[in-house]
Protein backbone atom coordinates (compact mmCIF):
# COMPACT_ATOMS: atom_id res chain seq x y z
CA PHE A 1 109.25 211.35 -109.57
CA ILE A 2 112.47 213.28 -109.37
CA ALA A 3 113.67 214.97 -106.19
CA VAL A 4 114.48 218.64 -106.71
CA PRO A 5 115.04 221.44 -104.22
CA LYS A 6 111.94 223.39 -103.26
CA ARG A 7 113.90 226.58 -102.83
CA LEU A 8 117.32 227.92 -103.80
CA ALA A 9 117.17 231.23 -101.95
CA PHE A 10 120.20 232.67 -103.69
CA PHE A 11 120.06 236.20 -105.00
CA GLY A 12 122.74 238.34 -106.52
CA SER A 13 124.21 241.62 -105.43
CA ARG A 14 124.69 243.38 -108.77
CA PRO A 15 121.83 245.83 -109.26
CA MET A 16 120.88 247.36 -112.59
CA SER A 17 118.67 250.31 -113.45
CA GLU A 18 114.94 249.62 -113.33
CA SER A 19 114.60 250.89 -116.91
CA LEU A 20 117.17 248.38 -118.18
CA ILE A 21 115.61 245.45 -116.30
CA LYS A 22 112.17 246.27 -117.69
CA PHE A 23 113.50 246.87 -121.21
CA LEU A 24 115.26 243.49 -121.27
CA ALA A 25 112.20 241.70 -119.87
CA TYR A 26 109.92 243.31 -122.46
CA MET A 27 112.28 242.52 -125.34
CA LEU A 28 112.80 238.92 -124.20
CA ALA A 29 109.08 238.33 -123.80
CA ASP A 30 107.53 240.25 -126.71
CA GLY A 31 110.39 241.82 -128.60
CA CYS A 32 111.64 240.99 -132.07
CA CYS A 33 115.37 241.28 -132.78
CA VAL A 34 115.87 239.14 -135.88
CA LYS A 35 117.79 239.88 -139.06
CA SER A 36 115.81 241.71 -141.70
CA PHE A 37 116.17 241.28 -145.42
CA PHE A 38 115.29 243.64 -148.26
CA LYS A 39 115.23 242.34 -151.83
CA GLY A 40 117.07 239.21 -150.72
CA LYS A 41 119.93 241.06 -149.02
CA LEU A 42 120.64 241.35 -145.32
CA HIS A 43 119.41 244.76 -144.22
CA GLY A 44 120.49 244.73 -140.56
CA HIS A 45 118.25 243.85 -137.64
CA CYS A 46 114.66 244.85 -137.13
CA CYS A 47 114.12 245.60 -133.44
CA SER A 48 110.52 245.99 -132.37
CA PHE A 49 108.16 245.42 -129.48
CA THR A 50 104.51 244.48 -130.04
CA LYS A 51 101.77 244.66 -127.43
CA THR A 52 98.14 245.82 -127.25
CA ASP A 53 97.77 246.43 -123.48
CA PRO A 54 97.95 250.22 -122.94
CA VAL A 55 99.47 249.86 -119.43
CA LEU A 56 102.31 247.67 -120.72
CA ILE A 57 102.82 249.92 -123.75
CA LYS A 58 103.20 252.98 -121.51
CA ASP A 59 105.59 251.14 -119.17
CA PHE A 60 107.68 249.98 -122.14
CA GLU A 61 107.86 253.56 -123.46
CA VAL A 62 108.93 254.85 -120.02
CA SER A 63 111.72 252.23 -119.87
CA CYS A 64 112.89 253.23 -123.38
CA ASP A 65 112.82 256.91 -122.43
CA GLY A 66 114.85 256.14 -119.29
CA LEU A 67 117.54 254.50 -121.44
CA GLY A 68 117.46 257.13 -124.20
CA ILE A 69 116.13 254.63 -126.73
CA GLY A 70 114.13 256.18 -129.54
CA TYR A 71 111.12 254.45 -131.04
CA ARG A 72 108.50 254.93 -133.70
CA ARG A 73 105.03 253.69 -132.91
CA ALA A 74 103.07 252.03 -135.71
CA GLY A 75 99.80 250.44 -134.62
CA VAL A 76 100.55 247.98 -131.82
CA SER A 77 104.28 247.88 -132.60
CA HIS A 78 107.18 250.04 -131.51
CA TYR A 79 110.15 250.11 -133.89
CA LEU A 80 113.32 250.89 -131.96
CA ARG A 81 116.00 253.35 -133.00
CA GLY A 82 119.26 254.74 -131.72
CA ASN A 83 121.18 252.80 -129.12
CA ALA A 84 118.71 249.88 -128.97
CA ARG A 85 120.75 247.60 -131.26
CA PRO A 86 124.11 248.02 -129.45
CA LEU A 87 122.34 247.52 -126.12
CA LEU A 88 120.56 244.37 -127.29
CA ARG A 89 123.83 243.10 -128.80
CA ARG A 90 125.65 243.71 -125.50
CA PHE A 91 123.12 241.53 -123.65
CA GLY A 92 123.05 238.78 -126.29
CA VAL A 93 119.49 239.39 -127.48
CA LEU A 94 120.11 240.91 -130.94
CA GLY A 95 119.70 238.44 -133.79
CA HIS A 96 117.70 235.91 -131.80
CA SER A 97 114.15 234.80 -132.40
CA ALA A 98 111.52 233.80 -129.85
CA LYS A 99 112.87 230.25 -130.09
CA THR A 100 116.54 231.10 -129.52
CA LYS A 101 116.60 233.98 -127.01
CA THR A 102 118.09 233.34 -123.59
CA ILE A 103 118.04 235.37 -120.41
CA PRO A 104 121.33 237.28 -120.01
CA LYS A 105 123.63 236.25 -117.14
CA CYS A 106 123.32 239.70 -115.54
CA ILE A 107 119.65 238.96 -114.72
CA PHE A 108 120.70 235.95 -112.61
CA ARG A 109 122.95 238.28 -110.57
CA LEU A 110 120.19 240.73 -109.62
CA PRO A 111 119.14 241.38 -106.01
CA LYS A 112 115.83 239.80 -104.95
CA GLU A 113 113.60 242.86 -105.50
CA GLN A 114 115.00 243.49 -108.99
CA LEU A 115 114.71 239.83 -109.95
CA ALA A 116 111.06 239.98 -108.86
CA LEU A 117 110.61 243.04 -111.11
CA PHE A 118 112.07 241.15 -114.09
CA LEU A 119 109.72 238.19 -113.52
CA ARG A 120 106.71 240.48 -113.03
CA VAL A 121 107.29 242.22 -116.35
CA PHE A 122 107.99 238.94 -118.18
CA PHE A 123 104.84 237.28 -116.79
CA SER A 124 102.82 240.44 -117.58
CA CYS A 125 103.73 239.98 -121.24
CA ASP A 126 103.61 236.22 -121.75
CA GLY A 127 101.93 234.81 -118.64
CA TYR A 128 98.32 233.84 -118.09
CA VAL A 129 95.84 233.24 -115.30
CA ASP A 130 93.22 230.56 -115.94
CA LYS A 131 89.47 231.33 -115.93
CA ASP A 132 88.88 230.53 -112.27
CA GLY A 133 92.09 232.19 -111.07
CA THR A 134 93.58 229.02 -109.60
CA THR A 135 96.52 228.59 -111.97
CA ILE A 136 99.16 230.99 -113.21
CA GLY A 137 101.26 229.91 -116.15
CA LEU A 138 103.68 230.75 -118.86
CA ALA A 139 103.93 229.01 -122.25
CA LEU A 140 106.79 229.57 -124.70
CA ALA A 141 108.18 228.04 -127.87
CA ASN A 142 111.60 228.31 -126.21
CA LYS A 143 112.31 225.39 -123.90
CA ALA A 144 115.71 226.72 -122.76
CA MET A 145 114.36 230.13 -121.74
CA LEU A 146 111.41 228.56 -119.95
CA ARG A 147 113.85 226.43 -117.94
CA GLN A 148 115.73 229.62 -117.05
CA ILE A 149 112.46 231.17 -115.83
CA GLY A 150 111.86 228.01 -113.80
CA HIS A 151 115.26 228.39 -112.17
CA LEU A 152 114.43 231.98 -111.21
CA LEU A 153 111.08 230.88 -109.73
CA ILE A 154 112.81 228.26 -107.57
CA ARG A 155 114.89 231.04 -106.02
CA PHE A 156 111.62 232.45 -104.64
CA GLY A 157 110.47 229.00 -103.53
CA ILE A 158 107.70 228.88 -106.14
CA VAL A 159 106.84 225.29 -107.03
CA PHE A 160 105.64 224.69 -110.59
CA LYS A 161 105.03 222.00 -113.18
CA PHE A 162 107.09 221.99 -116.37
CA ARG A 163 105.72 220.14 -119.37
CA TYR A 164 105.72 219.89 -123.13
CA ARG A 165 102.43 221.23 -124.43
CA PRO A 166 102.12 221.69 -128.20
CA VAL A 167 99.76 224.40 -129.42
CA ARG A 168 97.46 224.17 -132.42
CA ARG A 169 97.00 227.38 -134.43
CA GLU A 170 95.16 227.58 -137.74
CA GLY A 171 95.31 223.80 -138.11
CA ARG A 172 99.09 223.61 -137.54
CA LEU A 173 100.83 222.12 -134.52
CA PHE A 174 103.62 224.16 -132.90
CA LYS A 175 106.10 223.03 -130.25
CA ALA A 176 105.58 224.74 -126.90
CA TRP A 177 106.51 224.22 -123.28
CA GLU A 178 104.64 225.41 -120.24
CA ILE A 179 105.25 226.27 -116.61
CA SER A 180 102.09 226.13 -114.50
CA ILE A 181 101.79 227.22 -110.91
CA GLY A 182 98.70 225.63 -109.41
CA SER A 183 99.17 225.42 -105.66
CA GLN A 184 97.19 228.20 -103.95
CA GLU A 185 100.21 228.88 -101.73
CA TYR A 186 102.23 229.98 -104.78
CA VAL A 187 99.48 231.50 -106.91
């Protein structure tokens, strides 16, 4: 056992627009910002967001509209246009994959209510609730970002378990880490 603080009730005082907080949460959770290649040559960055839940899709579109970010919808994906790339570059998201993204420092400086909004959107995209509703969790292929999420949860006094939990898909084993919140007090 390792002793860790149960709560670090420290919140920032640098608010951001709700649209920007949501946009960053959506892009960190389910966005793609990697380099794209065409005929073997670097062709810039492909910025997209993929989701099937109509409520989350609508909320993502509203956040893009609030920031003046254009998008083209194709099936379950939104391909971003306009000022999306410079904005993602400014916050250190552009060019990173699901395994290398990190939460920008500005998120750690948010007031309590806005930090809760960021976590709500992130968990809405990548989180889960088990069948009997007793455990809430989040599993990612990105250990560093999951640790950052854990740090943010500790600010709210939410106790969780952090563990390595590989995932098997189509016969292949993939590295993954998981945060699980099982105490009824925190669920």
